[in-house]
Amino acid sequence: MDCCFPCLGARKKRKTPARPEKPQIPPAADNKAKPGCSSSSTSAAAAARQDSLSEAKKEFVLSNGSEHRHIAAQTFTFRELAAATNGFRADCLLGEGGFGRVYKGYLESINQVVAIKQLDRNGLQGNREFLVEVLMLSLLHHPHLVNLIGYCADGDQRLLVYEYMPLGSLEDHLHDPSPDKPRLDWNTRMKIAAGAAKGLEHLHDKTNPPVIYRDLKCSNILLGEGYHPKLSDFGLAKLGPVGDKTHVSTRVMGTYGYCAPEYAMTGQLTLKSDVYSYGVVLLEIITGRRAIDNTRAAGEQNLVAWVSCRFVFCYVPFCFFLLFFFIPL
C-alpha cells in the first residue's frame, strides 16, 4: 500500500496531502555547497542519499490487497521534544541501544507521557533504519507491537516518539532486576512468552507481505501494565519472501547470540530466522540465563550450546533407558 509522510528535512509541521501517490522523503542534509567542497560533489552525495532513501521507501511499503493506508504518525519539532525531556536531562534517561538513547518525557500537546528515542549520529543505525521504523510501526498495529506516536526530523536530528512502557524491558526483569522489584513468577514469564509469540505471529502470518523482525531479543520486548509485552525497535525489519521465493538475501544484521546460524552463514533470511531468535528468548525466560554471558565458564557462555549439551547428555540416555526397560522385544 502507498504511504507518505513529511520531508525529513522539514523544520515545521506540514499537512499530509489528500491523495499522495508515493512517499516523498528527501534527506535532511543541506544540499547547498559548503566551503571547500565543489557543488558537483555535493550534488552527487545528495543524489546518492536520495537514491538510498528511495530504495528504502520502495522496499518497505506494505501492501494488503486493495486496501491503502497512509502513515498516521504525528510530526514533532526538536524544540517540543527537548522541552518534553527537560533538555534531554540525565535523570530522564531510560536506556541506550544501537539507535541511540531513550528518554522519558511528557508532551503537553497530547497530554501524554512518552518514550523518546534519539538517533546517535555516530551509532550503528542511521537514516535508513529511522525511515524503516517509521514506516513499519505506522502501518503495523497490534496489541503486542509497540505504538509509534510520532517522529521528529528537524535538520540532522532524528527522534522517534513511542508510547511509554512503565515496566521497562524483559531484559531488565530477567537479568538486571532492581532490589525493590520481585522476580518474575512462572505464570508471568509464560504470559510474556505468549504475548511475544502473538506479536511475531502477526508479523509473519497476518501481514502481506510478511515482515521479518530480525532483532527479536529480551531488550526489545517492552512491558506495560500487568506485564503486557510488546515488540519494539523495528529498524532492522525486512519484508519477507513472497511468491515462489524461499528467502531474502541480505547482509547479516542482528544481535550475536540471537541470530540463526544458517542466516549468519549464508545471508539468506527467512521467517524461521525469527523463530530461532524467539527460541533463544524462550530459553532465557525459562532458565534466567543470558543468551551470551562471558562471565560464565567456557562451556556455559553460549546459552543455546549449553542447553544443547544438556539435551544430548540427559534426554538421549533417558530415551535409551525407556527403550531398554519399557518396550517389549
Protein backbone atom coordinates (compact mmCIF):
# COMPACT_ATOMS: atom_id res chain seq x y z
CA MET A 1 0.00 0.00 0.00
CA ASP A 2 1.16 3.52 -0.66
CA CYS A 3 2.13 5.80 2.16
CA CYS A 4 3.72 9.18 2.75
CA PHE A 5 4.86 11.50 5.44
CA PRO A 6 6.51 14.94 5.51
CA CYS A 7 10.02 15.63 4.38
CA LEU A 8 12.79 14.57 6.72
CA GLY A 9 14.46 17.94 6.23
CA ALA A 10 11.40 19.96 7.17
CA ARG A 11 11.58 22.19 10.24
CA LYS A 12 7.84 22.79 10.53
CA LYS A 13 4.81 20.56 10.55
CA ARG A 14 3.17 20.07 7.17
CA LYS A 15 -0.23 18.72 6.35
CA THR A 16 -0.32 15.36 4.60
CA PRO A 17 -1.60 15.67 1.01
CA ALA A 18 -5.05 14.26 0.41
CA ARG A 19 -4.02 11.71 -2.26
CA PRO A 20 -0.29 11.08 -2.25
CA GLU A 21 0.99 8.59 -4.81
CA LYS A 22 4.34 7.67 -3.26
CA PRO A 23 6.15 8.65 -0.10
CA GLN A 24 8.33 11.67 -0.76
CA ILE A 25 11.04 11.83 1.86
CA PRO A 26 14.16 13.70 0.77
CA PRO A 27 17.18 13.55 3.09
CA ALA A 28 17.52 16.17 5.77
CA ALA A 29 21.04 17.15 4.78
CA ASP A 30 21.58 20.62 3.36
CA ASN A 31 22.05 20.48 -0.42
CA LYS A 32 23.88 23.77 -0.63
CA ALA A 33 27.58 23.64 -1.41
CA LYS A 34 29.80 24.09 1.62
CA PRO A 35 33.11 25.97 1.66
CA GLY A 36 35.91 23.78 0.39
CA CYS A 37 33.53 21.38 -1.43
CA SER A 38 32.61 21.55 -5.09
CA SER A 39 28.94 21.86 -5.93
CA SER A 40 29.14 18.82 -8.21
CA SER A 41 30.46 16.54 -5.44
CA THR A 42 27.85 17.89 -3.02
CA SER A 43 25.09 17.25 -5.56
CA ALA A 44 26.40 13.74 -6.18
CA ALA A 45 26.39 12.96 -2.45
CA ALA A 46 22.88 14.34 -2.07
CA ALA A 47 21.72 12.28 -5.04
CA ALA A 48 23.25 9.15 -3.52
CA ARG A 49 21.45 9.77 -0.23
CA GLN A 50 18.21 10.38 -2.13
CA ASP A 51 18.59 7.11 -4.05
CA SER A 52 19.26 5.21 -0.81
CA LEU A 53 16.13 6.59 0.83
CA SER A 54 14.06 5.97 -2.31
CA GLU A 55 15.15 2.32 -2.31
CA ALA A 56 14.22 2.03 1.35
CA LYS A 57 10.79 3.51 0.73
CA LYS A 58 10.07 1.15 -2.15
CA GLU A 59 11.35 -1.82 -0.17
CA PHE A 60 9.30 -1.19 2.96
CA VAL A 61 5.93 -0.17 1.56
CA LEU A 62 3.43 -2.79 2.76
CA SER A 63 0.55 -3.96 0.61
CA ASN A 64 -2.62 -5.53 1.88
CA GLY A 65 -4.85 -6.46 -1.03
CA SER A 66 -6.59 -3.40 -2.46
CA GLU A 67 -6.59 -1.50 0.83
CA HIS A 68 -4.43 1.62 1.06
CA ARG A 69 -3.45 3.40 4.24
CA HIS A 70 -1.29 6.41 4.97
CA ILE A 71 1.18 6.94 7.77
CA ALA A 72 -0.68 8.36 10.75
CA ALA A 73 2.35 9.21 12.91
CA GLN A 74 2.49 12.80 14.11
CA THR A 75 5.42 15.10 13.46
CA PHE A 76 7.10 16.95 16.31
CA THR A 77 9.70 19.69 16.34
CA PHE A 78 13.01 19.18 18.09
CA ARG A 79 12.12 22.08 20.38
CA GLU A 80 8.96 20.25 21.52
CA LEU A 81 10.83 17.04 22.33
CA ALA A 82 13.66 18.88 24.07
CA ALA A 83 11.10 20.63 26.27
CA ALA A 84 9.35 17.31 26.96
CA THR A 85 12.58 15.81 28.35
CA ASN A 86 13.85 18.96 30.12
CA GLY A 87 16.63 19.31 27.59
CA PHE A 88 17.35 15.56 27.48
CA ARG A 89 18.50 15.57 31.08
CA ALA A 90 20.27 12.53 32.52
CA ASP A 91 17.51 11.89 35.07
CA CYS A 92 15.08 11.37 32.15
CA LEU A 93 17.29 8.72 30.53
CA LEU A 94 15.62 5.30 30.34
CA GLY A 95 18.28 3.38 28.44
CA GLU A 96 20.56 3.20 25.44
CA GLY A 97 20.74 0.92 22.40
CA GLY A 98 22.03 0.64 18.85
CA PHE A 99 19.84 3.50 17.66
CA GLY A 100 20.71 5.89 20.46
CA ARG A 101 19.39 6.98 23.83
CA VAL A 102 15.80 6.67 25.05
CA TYR A 103 14.33 9.33 27.34
CA LYS A 104 11.12 9.59 29.30
CA GLY A 105 9.18 12.76 28.55
CA TYR A 106 5.83 14.49 28.81
CA LEU A 107 4.26 16.10 25.74
CA GLU A 108 1.84 18.85 26.67
CA SER A 109 0.38 19.00 23.15
CA ILE A 110 -1.08 15.49 23.51
CA ASN A 111 -1.12 15.36 27.34
CA GLN A 112 0.77 12.08 27.43
CA VAL A 113 3.88 10.56 28.97
CA VAL A 114 6.04 9.17 26.16
CA ALA A 115 9.36 7.49 25.44
CA ILE A 116 11.59 9.47 23.07
CA LYS A 117 14.40 7.72 21.21
CA GLN A 118 17.13 9.98 19.83
CA LEU A 119 19.35 8.87 16.97
CA ASP A 120 23.04 8.70 17.78
CA ARG A 121 24.71 10.23 14.72
CA ASN A 122 27.80 8.10 15.40
CA GLY A 123 25.77 4.96 16.17
CA LEU A 124 25.17 1.74 14.27
CA GLN A 125 21.89 2.83 12.70
CA GLY A 126 21.08 5.81 10.52
CA ASN A 127 18.55 7.37 8.18
CA ARG A 128 17.57 4.09 6.58
CA GLU A 129 16.76 2.38 9.88
CA PHE A 130 14.92 5.51 11.05
CA LEU A 131 12.79 5.51 7.90
CA VAL A 132 12.09 1.77 8.14
CA GLU A 133 10.92 2.05 11.75
CA VAL A 134 8.59 4.96 10.98
CA LEU A 135 7.10 3.11 8.01
CA MET A 136 6.76 -0.21 9.78
CA LEU A 137 5.23 0.98 13.04
CA SER A 138 2.92 3.39 11.25
CA LEU A 139 1.49 0.62 9.09
CA LEU A 140 1.56 -2.26 11.58
CA HIS A 141 -0.84 -2.19 14.50
CA HIS A 142 -1.35 -4.97 17.02
CA PRO A 143 -1.81 -5.24 20.80
CA HIS A 144 1.64 -6.82 21.05
CA LEU A 145 3.52 -4.29 18.89
CA VAL A 146 4.66 -1.03 20.45
CA ASN A 147 2.71 2.03 19.35
CA LEU A 148 4.59 4.77 17.47
CA ILE A 149 3.10 8.17 18.30
CA GLY A 150 5.28 10.31 16.05
CA TYR A 151 8.73 11.34 14.93
CA CYS A 152 10.99 14.36 14.55
CA ALA A 153 13.25 15.10 11.58
CA ASP A 154 14.43 18.64 12.19
CA GLY A 155 17.65 19.21 10.28
CA ASP A 156 20.01 16.38 11.15
CA GLN A 157 18.04 15.43 14.26
CA ARG A 158 16.20 12.09 14.13
CA LEU A 159 13.89 11.14 17.00
CA LEU A 160 11.07 8.64 17.47
CA VAL A 161 8.22 9.07 19.95
CA TYR A 162 6.60 5.93 21.39
CA GLU A 163 4.03 5.10 23.98
CA TYR A 164 5.68 4.83 27.39
CA MET A 165 6.03 1.28 28.72
CA PRO A 166 6.23 1.71 32.52
CA LEU A 167 7.75 -1.69 33.40
CA GLY A 168 10.74 -1.41 31.09
CA SER A 169 12.11 -4.33 29.11
CA LEU A 170 12.07 -8.06 29.70
CA GLU A 171 15.86 -7.93 29.97
CA ASP A 172 15.59 -5.59 32.96
CA HIS A 173 13.44 -8.11 34.85
CA LEU A 174 15.36 -11.25 33.86
CA HIS A 175 18.97 -10.13 34.05
CA ASP A 176 19.12 -6.76 35.83
CA PRO A 177 16.32 -6.78 38.39
CA SER A 178 16.08 -3.94 40.88
CA PRO A 179 16.33 -4.94 44.55
CA ASP A 180 12.89 -3.48 45.20
CA LYS A 181 11.21 -5.49 42.41
CA PRO A 182 10.13 -9.12 42.77
CA ARG A 183 11.39 -11.81 40.43
CA LEU A 184 9.07 -12.82 37.60
CA ASP A 185 6.96 -15.79 38.59
CA TRP A 186 6.34 -18.67 36.22
CA ASN A 187 2.85 -17.56 35.10
CA THR A 188 4.11 -14.07 34.30
CA ARG A 189 7.01 -15.48 32.30
CA MET A 190 4.66 -17.63 30.24
CA LYS A 191 2.32 -14.66 29.71
CA ILE A 192 5.22 -12.62 28.33
CA ALA A 193 6.37 -15.50 26.10
CA ALA A 194 2.85 -15.98 24.71
CA GLY A 195 2.42 -12.26 24.04
CA ALA A 196 5.73 -12.00 22.20
CA ALA A 197 4.74 -15.04 20.12
CA LYS A 198 1.44 -13.36 19.17
CA GLY A 199 3.25 -10.23 18.05
CA LEU A 200 5.63 -12.32 15.95
CA GLU A 201 2.73 -14.31 14.51
CA HIS A 202 1.09 -11.07 13.39
CA LEU A 203 4.23 -10.02 11.53
CA HIS A 204 4.65 -13.41 9.85
CA ASP A 205 1.10 -14.58 9.15
CA LYS A 206 -1.24 -11.57 9.26
CA THR A 207 0.82 -9.07 7.27
CA ASN A 208 1.04 -9.12 3.49
CA PRO A 209 3.84 -9.38 2.52
CA PRO A 210 5.17 -10.93 5.75
CA VAL A 211 7.62 -8.96 7.86
CA ILE A 212 10.81 -10.49 9.25
CA TYR A 213 11.57 -8.78 12.56
CA ARG A 214 15.29 -9.69 12.54
CA ASP A 215 16.05 -8.28 16.00
CA LEU A 216 14.00 -10.29 18.49
CA LYS A 217 15.70 -10.25 21.91
CA CYS A 218 14.81 -9.62 25.54
CA SER A 219 15.78 -5.96 25.45
CA ASN A 220 13.32 -5.36 22.58
CA ILE A 221 10.34 -6.84 24.44
CA LEU A 222 8.83 -3.99 26.43
CA LEU A 223 6.39 -4.47 29.29
CA GLY A 224 3.31 -2.40 30.04
CA GLU A 225 0.89 -2.51 32.96
CA GLY A 226 0.22 -6.07 34.09
CA TYR A 227 3.40 -7.23 32.30
CA HIS A 228 1.72 -6.88 28.91
CA PRO A 229 4.52 -7.47 26.36
CA LYS A 230 5.08 -5.55 23.13
CA LEU A 231 7.76 -5.91 20.46
CA SER A 232 9.76 -2.75 19.78
CA ASP A 233 12.66 -1.46 17.68
CA PHE A 234 11.85 -2.25 14.04
CA GLY A 235 14.85 -0.55 12.47
CA LEU A 236 16.22 -3.85 11.13
CA ALA A 237 12.86 -5.24 9.94
CA LYS A 238 12.74 -6.64 6.43
CA LEU A 239 9.95 -7.70 4.10
CA GLY A 240 9.87 -11.49 3.80
CA PRO A 241 9.86 -13.65 0.67
CA VAL A 242 6.75 -13.72 -1.49
CA GLY A 243 5.54 -15.98 -4.27
CA ASP A 244 7.92 -18.80 -5.12
CA LYS A 245 10.84 -17.26 -3.22
CA THR A 246 12.04 -19.17 -0.16
CA HIS A 247 14.29 -16.49 1.33
CA VAL A 248 15.53 -12.92 1.11
CA SER A 249 19.26 -12.40 0.52
CA THR A 250 20.66 -9.59 2.65
CA ARG A 251 23.69 -8.68 4.68
CA VAL A 252 23.71 -10.26 8.12
CA MET A 253 22.25 -7.98 10.79
CA GLY A 254 21.07 -8.65 14.30
CA THR A 255 22.48 -9.44 17.74
CA TYR A 256 25.07 -12.11 18.44
CA GLY A 257 23.53 -14.99 20.33
CA TYR A 258 20.07 -14.48 18.84
CA CYS A 259 20.98 -14.74 15.15
CA ALA A 260 20.05 -18.00 13.40
CA PRO A 261 23.21 -19.93 12.33
CA GLU A 262 22.04 -20.56 8.76
CA TYR A 263 21.29 -16.85 8.30
CA ALA A 264 24.65 -15.87 9.78
CA MET A 265 26.48 -18.25 7.42
CA THR A 266 24.59 -17.65 4.18
CA GLY A 267 22.85 -14.27 4.48
CA GLN A 268 19.61 -15.98 3.46
CA LEU A 269 16.86 -14.55 5.64
CA THR A 270 13.60 -16.43 6.24
CA LEU A 271 10.74 -16.33 8.72
CA LYS A 272 12.46 -19.20 10.54
CA SER A 273 15.27 -16.82 11.43
CA ASP A 274 12.85 -15.02 13.74
CA VAL A 275 11.63 -18.35 15.12
CA TYR A 276 15.20 -19.24 16.12
CA SER A 277 15.57 -15.89 17.89
CA TYR A 278 12.29 -16.50 19.68
CA GLY A 279 13.60 -19.87 20.82
CA VAL A 280 16.64 -18.17 22.36
CA VAL A 281 14.36 -15.68 24.15
CA LEU A 282 12.24 -18.57 25.42
CA LEU A 283 15.34 -20.29 26.81
CA GLU A 284 16.27 -17.06 28.59
CA ILE A 285 12.78 -16.83 30.09
CA ILE A 286 12.91 -20.45 31.30
CA THR A 287 16.49 -20.56 32.59
CA GLY A 288 17.05 -16.95 33.63
CA ARG A 289 20.42 -17.02 31.82
CA ARG A 290 21.64 -14.55 29.19
CA ALA A 291 21.95 -15.62 25.55
CA ILE A 292 25.66 -14.79 25.75
CA ASP A 293 27.30 -14.48 29.17
CA ASN A 294 31.07 -14.10 29.11
CA THR A 295 31.27 -14.18 32.91
CA ARG A 296 30.46 -17.89 32.96
CA ALA A 297 32.75 -20.87 32.35
CA ALA A 298 33.84 -21.59 28.78
CA GLY A 299 31.22 -24.26 28.11
CA GLU A 300 28.36 -22.20 29.54
CA GLN A 301 28.80 -18.82 27.86
CA ASN A 302 26.53 -19.57 24.90
CA LEU A 303 23.04 -20.42 26.15
CA VAL A 304 22.00 -22.47 23.10
CA ALA A 305 25.21 -24.53 23.18
CA TRP A 306 24.85 -25.08 26.92
CA VAL A 307 21.24 -26.28 26.58
CA SER A 308 22.19 -28.48 23.62
CA CYS A 309 24.77 -30.27 25.74
CA ARG A 310 22.20 -30.83 28.47
CA PHE A 311 19.83 -32.24 25.87
CA VAL A 312 22.40 -34.66 24.47
CA PHE A 313 23.68 -35.90 27.83
CA CYS A 314 20.33 -36.08 29.63
CA TYR A 315 17.49 -36.59 27.18
CA VAL A 316 19.13 -39.07 24.82
CA PRO A 317 20.23 -41.51 27.59
CA PHE A 318 16.75 -41.23 29.09
CA CYS A 319 15.25 -42.31 25.74
CA PHE A 320 17.56 -45.31 25.62
CA PHE A 321 16.52 -46.14 29.17
CA LEU A 322 12.86 -46.15 28.12
CA LEU A 323 13.59 -48.25 25.06
CA PHE A 324 15.55 -50.85 27.03
CA PHE A 325 13.22 -51.31 30.02
CA PHE A 326 9.70 -50.49 28.85
CA ILE A 327 9.42 -51.50 25.21
CA PRO A 328 8.90 -55.24 24.84
CA LEU A 329 11.19 -57.12 22.50
